[in-house]
């Protein structure tokens, strides 16, 4: 899991939580929260190699 802090001039700061640094699973700010719940286990996707497909 990786967190990224975003700041915008016209809005409150926002923190995103990314799985493997690529897939957003949660976002938090003063204006609200958003959770994206995957339908499958994301751990099966990583680590990907060139040309590899997820099972």
Protein backbone atom coordinates (compact mmCIF):
# COMPACT_ATOMS: atom_id res chain seq x y z
CA UNK A 1 0.00 0.00 0.00
CA UNK A 2 1.22 3.46 -0.84
CA UNK A 3 -0.23 6.83 0.14
CA UNK A 4 -0.07 9.97 -2.01
CA UNK A 5 -0.91 13.44 -0.71
CA UNK A 6 -2.43 15.81 -3.28
CA UNK A 7 -3.00 19.53 -2.79
CA UNK A 8 -5.16 21.72 -5.01
CA UNK A 9 -5.53 25.50 -4.98
CA UNK A 10 -9.31 25.52 -4.75
CA UNK A 11 -9.95 22.40 -2.62
CA UNK A 12 -8.87 20.74 0.61
CA UNK A 13 -5.85 18.39 0.62
CA UNK A 14 -6.57 14.85 -0.51
CA UNK A 15 -4.84 11.57 0.35
CA UNK A 16 -5.02 8.59 -2.00
CA UNK A 17 -4.14 5.03 -1.00
CA UNK A 18 -2.85 2.92 -3.87
CA UNK A 19 -2.32 -0.84 -4.02
CA UNK A 20 1.15 -1.55 -5.43
CA UNK A 21 1.35 2.14 -6.28
CA UNK A 22 -1.00 1.65 -9.26
CA UNK A 23 -4.58 0.84 -8.25
CA UNK A 24 -6.51 3.34 -6.13
CA UNK A 25 -8.45 1.67 -3.33
CA UNK A 26 -9.24 4.60 -1.01
CA UNK A 27 -9.37 8.41 -1.15
CA UNK A 28 -9.75 10.73 1.83
CA UNK A 29 -10.25 14.51 2.08
CA UNK A 30 -12.09 17.07 4.18
CA UNK A 31 -15.01 16.95 1.74
CA UNK A 32 -15.48 13.17 1.90
CA UNK A 33 -14.15 9.65 1.56
CA UNK A 34 -14.31 7.19 -1.29
CA UNK A 35 -13.54 3.47 -1.10
CA UNK A 36 -13.20 1.24 -4.14
CA UNK A 37 -13.60 -2.40 -3.17
CA UNK A 38 -12.19 -4.85 -5.73
CA UNK A 39 -14.18 -7.98 -6.63
CA UNK A 40 -11.07 -10.17 -6.63
CA UNK A 41 -7.78 -10.51 -4.78
CA UNK A 42 -5.42 -7.84 -6.15
CA UNK A 43 -2.36 -9.67 -4.81
CA UNK A 44 -2.71 -12.18 -7.66
CA UNK A 45 -1.98 -9.42 -10.20
CA UNK A 46 1.50 -8.54 -8.94
CA UNK A 47 4.34 -8.79 -9.71
CA UNK A 48 3.63 -8.55 -13.42
CA UNK A 49 6.36 -9.15 -15.98
CA UNK A 50 6.48 -8.04 -19.62
CA UNK A 51 3.97 -10.07 -21.62
CA UNK A 52 2.56 -11.87 -18.56
CA UNK A 53 -1.17 -12.14 -18.00
CA UNK A 54 -2.95 -12.37 -14.65
CA UNK A 55 -4.55 -15.73 -13.83
